């Protein structure tokens, strides 16, 4: 396929960071080995936060990521804040969770989807919610206070506070 206006790729850096690079970095934040952080200048992390091995915090150049106090983020997570991410206090995020805030519109069939405009929407994980291992949270979703998302779920719409949702796509199962 030949493209009239080929777009060059550019590096976003190596993901290595120093404490002073963050917009805000609380006390007792644990970064396990091989955590990568991009655009730390747009990331705020509260106190007593754990970030597991091989996790990628993909800050974005024009939006913020906020992680509240006492939050636990498991190993091998990917959190991308192109559309903004707000993670409340005391949130549990299981290993291998993916949180996405952007997607390609793909509405112009004359060009590859990769080169179509990005659509961004904020993701909010309210205080005390828990995201099960291997789940995927899609753009525009709010997971309510104290809600539980079951392991392996794909969350395409809001999860109400103090409910349990699971499945592909995730659906309401019951109240806690």
Protein backbone atom coordinates (compact mmCIF):
# COMPACT_ATOMS: atom_id res chain seq x y z
CA UNK A 1 0.00 0.00 0.00
CA UNK A 2 1.40 3.44 -0.91
CA UNK A 3 0.66 6.45 1.27
CA UNK A 4 0.72 10.00 -0.02
CA UNK A 5 1.58 11.57 3.32
CA UNK A 6 3.68 9.03 5.19
CA UNK A 7 4.05 9.95 8.84
CA UNK A 8 7.42 9.45 10.48
CA UNK A 9 7.50 7.69 13.83
CA UNK A 10 9.30 9.24 16.78
CA UNK A 11 10.53 7.89 20.07
CA UNK A 12 8.79 8.73 23.33
CA UNK A 13 11.98 8.04 25.26
CA UNK A 14 13.18 5.04 27.17
CA UNK A 15 10.73 5.18 30.09
CA UNK A 16 13.46 5.70 32.65
CA UNK A 17 12.66 8.32 35.30
CA UNK A 18 13.83 10.12 38.41
CA UNK A 19 11.68 11.12 41.40
CA UNK A 20 11.97 14.80 40.56
CA UNK A 21 10.51 14.21 37.08
CA UNK A 22 6.96 13.71 38.41
CA UNK A 23 4.29 16.38 38.65
CA UNK A 24 3.75 15.00 42.17
CA UNK A 25 5.25 11.97 43.90
CA UNK A 26 4.05 11.09 47.39
CA UNK A 27 5.86 9.33 50.19
CA UNK A 28 6.51 5.59 50.30
CA UNK A 29 5.87 4.94 46.60
CA UNK A 30 7.33 1.60 45.54
CA UNK A 31 8.38 1.09 41.92
CA UNK A 32 9.36 -2.54 41.39
CA UNK A 33 12.00 -3.54 38.83
CA UNK A 34 11.49 -2.68 35.17
CA UNK A 35 8.65 -0.18 35.68
CA UNK A 36 8.66 2.28 32.78
CA UNK A 37 7.20 5.78 33.06
CA UNK A 38 6.58 8.10 30.13
CA UNK A 39 5.80 11.82 30.55
CA UNK A 40 6.19 11.74 34.35
CA UNK A 41 5.75 15.52 34.32
CA UNK A 42 2.02 14.83 33.82
CA UNK A 43 1.70 12.11 36.48
CA UNK A 44 0.65 12.61 40.10
CA UNK A 45 1.09 9.72 42.54
CA UNK A 46 -0.14 9.85 46.14
CA UNK A 47 1.31 8.29 49.28
CA UNK A 48 1.80 4.56 49.94
CA UNK A 49 1.38 3.42 46.33
CA UNK A 50 2.77 0.13 45.00
CA UNK A 51 3.56 -0.31 41.29
CA UNK A 52 4.46 -3.87 40.28
CA UNK A 53 7.23 -5.27 38.10
CA UNK A 54 7.19 -4.52 34.35
CA UNK A 55 4.28 -2.09 34.57
CA UNK A 56 4.13 0.77 32.06
CA UNK A 57 2.69 4.11 33.14
CA UNK A 58 2.24 5.77 29.78
CA UNK A 59 1.71 9.39 30.64
CA UNK A 60 0.75 11.59 27.75
CA UNK A 61 2.11 14.95 26.65
CA UNK A 62 -1.17 16.84 27.06
CA UNK A 63 -3.21 14.98 29.69
CA UNK A 64 -2.75 13.90 33.29
CA UNK A 65 -2.64 10.63 35.18
CA UNK A 66 -3.55 10.79 38.85
CA UNK A 67 -3.07 7.83 41.23
CA UNK A 68 -4.51 8.19 44.74
CA UNK A 69 -3.10 7.20 48.12
CA UNK A 70 -2.87 3.53 49.15
CA UNK A 71 -3.39 2.21 45.61
CA UNK A 72 -1.90 -1.12 44.52
CA UNK A 73 -1.03 -1.74 40.86
CA UNK A 74 0.01 -5.29 40.00
CA UNK A 75 2.72 -6.60 37.72
CA UNK A 76 2.70 -6.21 33.92
CA UNK A 77 -0.01 -3.52 33.78
CA UNK A 78 -0.33 -0.98 30.96
CA UNK A 79 -1.94 2.34 31.83
CA UNK A 80 -2.21 4.90 29.01
CA UNK A 81 -3.48 8.39 29.80
CA UNK A 82 -3.98 10.08 26.43
CA UNK A 83 -7.55 10.94 27.49
CA UNK A 84 -6.76 11.42 31.21
CA UNK A 85 -6.90 8.83 33.99
CA UNK A 86 -8.04 9.41 37.53
CA UNK A 87 -7.41 6.52 39.93
CA UNK A 88 -8.85 7.13 43.39
CA UNK A 89 -7.64 6.13 46.83
CA UNK A 90 -7.32 2.51 47.97
CA UNK A 91 -7.83 1.10 44.48
CA UNK A 92 -6.63 -2.42 43.64
CA UNK A 93 -5.51 -3.08 40.07
CA UNK A 94 -4.62 -6.71 39.41
CA UNK A 95 -1.67 -7.93 37.38
CA UNK A 96 -1.84 -7.62 33.57
CA UNK A 97 -4.65 -5.02 33.61
CA UNK A 98 -4.82 -2.64 30.64
CA UNK A 99 -6.39 0.80 30.97
CA UNK A 100 -6.86 2.67 27.70
CA UNK A 101 -8.09 6.20 27.07
CA UNK A 102 -7.72 6.48 23.31
CA UNK A 103 -8.61 4.68 20.13
CA UNK A 104 -8.31 5.40 16.44
CA UNK A 105 -11.55 6.54 14.86
CA UNK A 106 -10.94 4.47 11.74
CA UNK A 107 -13.72 6.34 9.95
CA UNK A 108 -11.79 7.23 6.79
CA UNK A 109 -11.51 4.11 4.64
CA UNK A 110 -9.05 5.82 2.29
CA UNK A 111 -6.24 5.63 4.83
CA UNK A 112 -5.02 2.90 7.18
CA UNK A 113 -6.70 2.91 10.60
CA UNK A 114 -3.30 3.57 12.19
CA UNK A 115 -3.24 7.03 10.57
CA UNK A 116 -6.80 8.07 11.42
CA UNK A 117 -7.54 10.62 14.12
CA UNK A 118 -7.35 9.59 17.77
CA UNK A 119 -10.44 9.80 19.92
CA UNK A 120 -9.71 10.24 23.64
CA UNK A 121 -11.99 9.81 26.67
CA UNK A 122 -11.21 9.93 30.38
CA UNK A 123 -11.19 6.81 32.55
CA UNK A 124 -12.06 7.12 36.25
CA UNK A 125 -11.52 4.43 38.87
CA UNK A 126 -13.27 5.68 41.99
CA UNK A 127 -12.09 5.12 45.58
CA UNK A 128 -11.97 1.56 46.85
CA UNK A 129 -12.78 -0.23 43.59
CA UNK A 130 -10.95 -3.37 42.50
CA UNK A 131 -9.99 -4.39 38.95
CA UNK A 132 -9.41 -8.14 38.51
CA UNK A 133 -6.36 -9.70 36.88
CA UNK A 134 -6.12 -9.37 33.11
CA UNK A 135 -9.07 -7.00 32.73
CA UNK A 136 -9.22 -4.30 30.08
CA UNK A 137 -10.81 -0.91 30.79
CA UNK A 138 -11.77 0.94 27.59
CA UNK A 139 -11.93 4.72 26.99
CA UNK A 140 -14.69 6.70 28.69
CA UNK A 141 -15.42 4.21 31.48
CA UNK A 142 -16.01 5.03 35.14
CA UNK A 143 -15.73 2.21 37.67
CA UNK A 144 -17.71 3.34 40.69
CA UNK A 145 -16.68 3.51 44.33
CA UNK A 146 -16.25 0.09 45.89
CA UNK A 147 -17.11 -1.77 42.68
CA UNK A 148 -15.43 -5.02 41.65
CA UNK A 149 -14.51 -5.93 38.06
CA UNK A 150 -14.02 -9.69 37.68
CA UNK A 151 -10.83 -11.18 36.28
CA UNK A 152 -10.46 -11.13 32.49
CA UNK A 153 -13.31 -8.69 31.92
CA UNK A 154 -13.52 -6.15 29.12
CA UNK A 155 -15.21 -3.05 30.51
CA UNK A 156 -16.95 -1.07 27.78
CA UNK A 157 -19.37 0.98 29.90
CA UNK A 158 -19.63 2.36 33.42
CA UNK A 159 -19.74 0.05 36.44
CA UNK A 160 -22.02 1.39 39.18
CA UNK A 161 -20.73 1.87 42.74
CA UNK A 162 -20.73 -1.20 45.02
CA UNK A 163 -21.59 -3.62 42.24
CA UNK A 164 -19.80 -6.60 40.75
CA UNK A 165 -19.40 -6.77 36.98
CA UNK A 166 -17.64 -9.39 34.88
CA UNK A 167 -17.47 -10.87 31.41
CA UNK A 168 -16.70 -9.92 27.82
CA UNK A 169 -18.16 -7.41 27.62
CA UNK A 170 -18.49 -6.85 31.36
CA UNK A 171 -22.06 -6.80 32.67
CA UNK A 172 -23.70 -6.27 36.03
CA UNK A 173 -23.79 -9.44 38.15
CA UNK A 174 -24.96 -8.26 41.56
CA UNK A 175 -24.66 -5.69 44.31
CA UNK A 176 -21.98 -6.14 46.95
